[in-house]
């Protein structure tokens, strides 16, 4: 299992806003946590995010694999988020993944300065 490949493939599908294609990346009952949406199971998390999103672009700046636990990987990324109302935000973040030995995502912790994103989220309905 190559955790770097899992993360790269995940973002490739994520950018398409393809919920059906994204869900097979997750283990049953996988959790996602972000400053804007809180902590939820993956399906409702991404369903809600995609419902308010026109476009999402992710540029991976660096991937860091924990040398003591290769199933934990952190992605240092630039996000470009365009809401359904065409408000565009660009922000940096760190996303920490816990991946099962079978190559499925068990947990995602998204870390970023969320003030602008929260304001845009409220405007997006």
C-alpha atoms as a PDB file:
ATOM      1  CA  UNK A   1       0.000   0.000   0.000  1.00  0.00           C
ATOM      2  CA  UNK A   2       1.465   3.343  -1.097  1.00  0.00           C
ATOM      3  CA  UNK A   3      -0.143   6.043   1.059  1.00  0.00           C
ATOM      4  CA  UNK A   4       1.199   8.794  -1.225  1.00  0.00           C
ATOM      5  CA  UNK A   5      -0.647   7.244  -4.175  1.00  0.00           C
ATOM      6  CA  UNK A   6      -3.853   6.964  -2.119  1.00  0.00           C
ATOM      7  CA  UNK A   7      -3.723  10.692  -1.315  1.00  0.00           C
ATOM      8  CA  UNK A   8      -2.886  11.744  -4.886  1.00  0.00           C
ATOM      9  CA  UNK A   9      -5.654   9.555  -6.326  1.00  0.00           C
ATOM     10  CA  UNK A  10      -8.084  10.856  -3.688  1.00  0.00           C
ATOM     11  CA  UNK A  11      -7.454  14.480  -4.694  1.00  0.00           C
ATOM     12  CA  UNK A  12      -7.778  13.632  -8.382  1.00  0.00           C
ATOM     13  CA  UNK A  13     -11.349  12.404  -7.776  1.00  0.00           C
ATOM     14  CA  UNK A  14     -12.071  15.083  -5.145  1.00  0.00           C
ATOM     15  CA  UNK A  15     -11.390  17.869  -7.648  1.00  0.00           C
ATOM     16  CA  UNK A  16     -14.116  16.430  -9.892  1.00  0.00           C
ATOM     17  CA  UNK A  17     -16.632  16.838  -7.021  1.00  0.00           C
ATOM     18  CA  UNK A  18     -17.529  13.197  -7.655  1.00  0.00           C
ATOM     19  CA  UNK A  19     -19.084  11.902  -4.432  1.00  0.00           C
ATOM     20  CA  UNK A  20     -19.813   8.489  -5.909  1.00  0.00           C
ATOM     21  CA  UNK A  21     -16.201   8.143  -7.040  1.00  0.00           C
ATOM     22  CA  UNK A  22     -14.812   9.492  -3.762  1.00  0.00           C
ATOM     23  CA  UNK A  23     -16.604   7.208  -1.316  1.00  0.00           C
ATOM     24  CA  UNK A  24     -14.734   4.009  -2.302  1.00  0.00           C
ATOM     25  CA  UNK A  25     -11.549   5.621  -0.911  1.00  0.00           C
ATOM     26  CA  UNK A  26     -12.992   5.375   2.606  1.00  0.00           C
ATOM     27  CA  UNK A  27     -13.187   2.572   5.139  1.00  0.00           C
ATOM     28  CA  UNK A  28     -16.636   2.003   6.703  1.00  0.00           C
ATOM     29  CA  UNK A  29     -17.528   4.751   9.170  1.00  0.00           C
ATOM     30  CA  UNK A  30     -14.482   6.831   8.224  1.00  0.00           C
ATOM     31  CA  UNK A  31     -14.478  10.282   9.771  1.00  0.00           C
ATOM     32  CA  UNK A  32     -13.505  13.677   8.365  1.00  0.00           C
ATOM     33  CA  UNK A  33     -12.897  16.746  10.500  1.00  0.00           C
ATOM     34  CA  UNK A  34     -12.484  20.362   9.404  1.00  0.00           C
ATOM     35  CA  UNK A  35     -12.754  23.773  11.073  1.00  0.00           C
ATOM     36  CA  UNK A  36     -15.718  24.712   8.862  1.00  0.00           C
ATOM     37  CA  UNK A  37     -17.865  21.569   8.824  1.00  0.00           C
ATOM     38  CA  UNK A  38     -16.828  19.935  12.092  1.00  0.00           C
ATOM     39  CA  UNK A  39     -16.475  16.167  12.429  1.00  0.00           C
ATOM     40  CA  UNK A  40     -18.701  13.877  10.345  1.00  0.00           C
ATOM     41  CA  UNK A  41     -18.658  10.566   8.548  1.00  0.00           C
ATOM     42  CA  UNK A  42     -17.156  10.906   5.073  1.00  0.00           C
ATOM     43  CA  UNK A  43     -20.356  10.601   2.993  1.00  0.00           C
ATOM     44  CA  UNK A  44     -22.336  13.377   4.734  1.00  0.00           C
ATOM     45  CA  UNK A  45     -19.220  15.542   5.019  1.00  0.00           C
ATOM     46  CA  UNK A  46     -18.450  15.509   1.295  1.00  0.00           C
ATOM     47  CA  UNK A  47     -22.121  15.601   0.277  1.00  0.00           C
ATOM     48  CA  UNK A  48     -22.505  18.858   2.222  1.00  0.00           C
ATOM     49  CA  UNK A  49     -19.224  20.319   0.967  1.00  0.00           C
ATOM     50  CA  UNK A  50     -19.966  19.506  -2.669  1.00  0.00           C
ATOM     51  CA  UNK A  51     -23.510  20.930  -2.379  1.00  0.00           C
ATOM     52  CA  UNK A  52     -22.035  24.411  -1.870  1.00  0.00           C
ATOM     53  CA  UNK A  53     -19.068  24.096  -4.221  1.00  0.00           C
ATOM     54  CA  UNK A  54     -18.742  25.051  -7.865  1.00  0.00           C
ATOM     55  CA  UNK A  55     -15.051  24.152  -8.143  1.00  0.00           C
ATOM     56  CA  UNK A  56     -12.226  22.901  -5.952  1.00  0.00           C
ATOM     57  CA  UNK A  57      -8.571  22.802  -6.932  1.00  0.00           C
ATOM     58  CA  UNK A  58      -5.884  21.235  -4.775  1.00  0.00           C
ATOM     59  CA  UNK A  59      -2.166  21.725  -5.275  1.00  0.00           C
ATOM     60  CA  UNK A  60      -0.119  19.311  -3.207  1.00  0.00           C
ATOM     61  CA  UNK A  61       3.009  21.141  -2.073  1.00  0.00           C
ATOM     62  CA  UNK A  62       4.462  18.232  -0.112  1.00  0.00           C
ATOM     63  CA  UNK A  63       3.530  14.825   1.274  1.00  0.00           C
ATOM     64  CA  UNK A  64       5.012  13.644   4.577  1.00  0.00           C
ATOM     65  CA  UNK A  65       4.810   9.992   5.590  1.00  0.00           C
ATOM     66  CA  UNK A  66       5.305   9.195   9.266  1.00  0.00           C
ATOM     67  CA  UNK A  67       8.475   7.027   9.358  1.00  0.00           C
ATOM     68  CA  UNK A  68       7.216   5.198  12.459  1.00  0.00           C
ATOM     69  CA  UNK A  69       3.746   4.622  11.028  1.00  0.00           C
ATOM     70  CA  UNK A  70       3.537   4.592   7.212  1.00  0.00           C
ATOM     71  CA  UNK A  71      -0.275   4.579   7.467  1.00  0.00           C
ATOM     72  CA  UNK A  72      -0.218   8.217   8.660  1.00  0.00           C
ATOM     73  CA  UNK A  73       0.514  10.821   6.016  1.00  0.00           C
ATOM     74  CA  UNK A  74       0.242  14.595   6.002  1.00  0.00           C
ATOM     75  CA  UNK A  75      -0.364  16.672   2.891  1.00  0.00           C
ATOM     76  CA  UNK A  76       0.718  20.317   2.813  1.00  0.00           C
ATOM     77  CA  UNK A  77      -1.636  21.797   0.222  1.00  0.00           C
ATOM     78  CA  UNK A  78      -2.981  24.932  -1.402  1.00  0.00           C
ATOM     79  CA  UNK A  79      -6.750  24.883  -1.795  1.00  0.00           C
ATOM     80  CA  UNK A  80      -8.701  27.000  -4.266  1.00  0.00           C
ATOM     81  CA  UNK A  81     -12.387  26.833  -3.398  1.00  0.00           C
ATOM     82  CA  UNK A  82     -15.109  28.427  -5.516  1.00  0.00           C
ATOM     83  CA  UNK A  83     -18.556  28.442  -3.952  1.00  0.00           C
ATOM     84  CA  UNK A  84     -21.811  28.055  -5.897  1.00  0.00           C
ATOM     85  CA  UNK A  85     -22.093  31.862  -5.578  1.00  0.00           C
ATOM     86  CA  UNK A  86     -18.711  32.214  -7.387  1.00  0.00           C
ATOM     87  CA  UNK A  87     -16.789  33.466  -4.352  1.00  0.00           C
ATOM     88  CA  UNK A  88     -13.203  32.235  -4.667  1.00  0.00           C
ATOM     89  CA  UNK A  89     -10.853  31.607  -1.773  1.00  0.00           C
ATOM     90  CA  UNK A  90      -7.273  30.418  -1.835  1.00  0.00           C
ATOM     91  CA  UNK A  91      -5.766  29.078   1.373  1.00  0.00           C
ATOM     92  CA  UNK A  92      -3.057  26.776   2.666  1.00  0.00           C
ATOM     93  CA  UNK A  93      -3.709  23.798   4.839  1.00  0.00           C
ATOM     94  CA  UNK A  94      -2.376  20.596   6.263  1.00  0.00           C
ATOM     95  CA  UNK A  95      -4.440  17.451   5.879  1.00  0.00           C
ATOM     96  CA  UNK A  96      -3.582  14.451   8.024  1.00  0.00           C
ATOM     97  CA  UNK A  97      -4.692  11.045   6.770  1.00  0.00           C
ATOM     98  CA  UNK A  98      -4.914   7.739   8.598  1.00  0.00           C
ATOM     99  CA  UNK A  99      -4.977   4.945   6.058  1.00  0.00           C
ATOM    100  CA  UNK A 100      -5.783   1.294   6.750  1.00  0.00           C
ATOM    101  CA  UNK A 101      -3.345  -1.467   5.727  1.00  0.00           C
ATOM    102  CA  UNK A 102      -5.833  -2.176   2.898  1.00  0.00           C
ATOM    103  CA  UNK A 103      -5.309   1.354   1.529  1.00  0.00           C
ATOM    104  CA  UNK A 104      -8.624   2.861   2.677  1.00  0.00           C
ATOM    105  CA  UNK A 105      -8.885   6.208   4.431  1.00  0.00           C
ATOM    106  CA  UNK A 106     -10.021   5.809   8.046  1.00  0.00           C
ATOM    107  CA  UNK A 107      -9.689   9.427   9.235  1.00  0.00           C
ATOM    108  CA  UNK A 108      -8.961  12.842   7.776  1.00  0.00           C
ATOM    109  CA  UNK A 109      -8.097  15.895   9.872  1.00  0.00           C
ATOM    110  CA  UNK A 110      -8.094  19.128   7.833  1.00  0.00           C
ATOM    111  CA  UNK A 111      -6.252  22.066   9.408  1.00  0.00           C
ATOM    112  CA  UNK A 112      -6.398  25.625   8.065  1.00  0.00           C
ATOM    113  CA  UNK A 113      -7.252  29.190   9.075  1.00  0.00           C
ATOM    114  CA  UNK A 114     -10.984  28.992   8.518  1.00  0.00           C
ATOM    115  CA  UNK A 115     -12.364  32.481   9.154  1.00  0.00           C
ATOM    116  CA  UNK A 116     -12.820  33.428   5.471  1.00  0.00           C
ATOM    117  CA  UNK A 117     -14.085  29.937   4.645  1.00  0.00           C
ATOM    118  CA  UNK A 118     -16.693  30.123   7.427  1.00  0.00           C
ATOM    119  CA  UNK A 119     -17.936  33.475   6.126  1.00  0.00           C
ATOM    120  CA  UNK A 120     -18.187  32.116   2.561  1.00  0.00           C
ATOM    121  CA  UNK A 121     -19.887  28.951   3.861  1.00  0.00           C
ATOM    122  CA  UNK A 122     -22.601  31.026   5.515  1.00  0.00           C
ATOM    123  CA  UNK A 123     -23.155  33.009   2.287  1.00  0.00           C
ATOM    124  CA  UNK A 124     -23.362  29.784   0.273  1.00  0.00           C
ATOM    125  CA  UNK A 125     -26.504  28.855   2.188  1.00  0.00           C
END
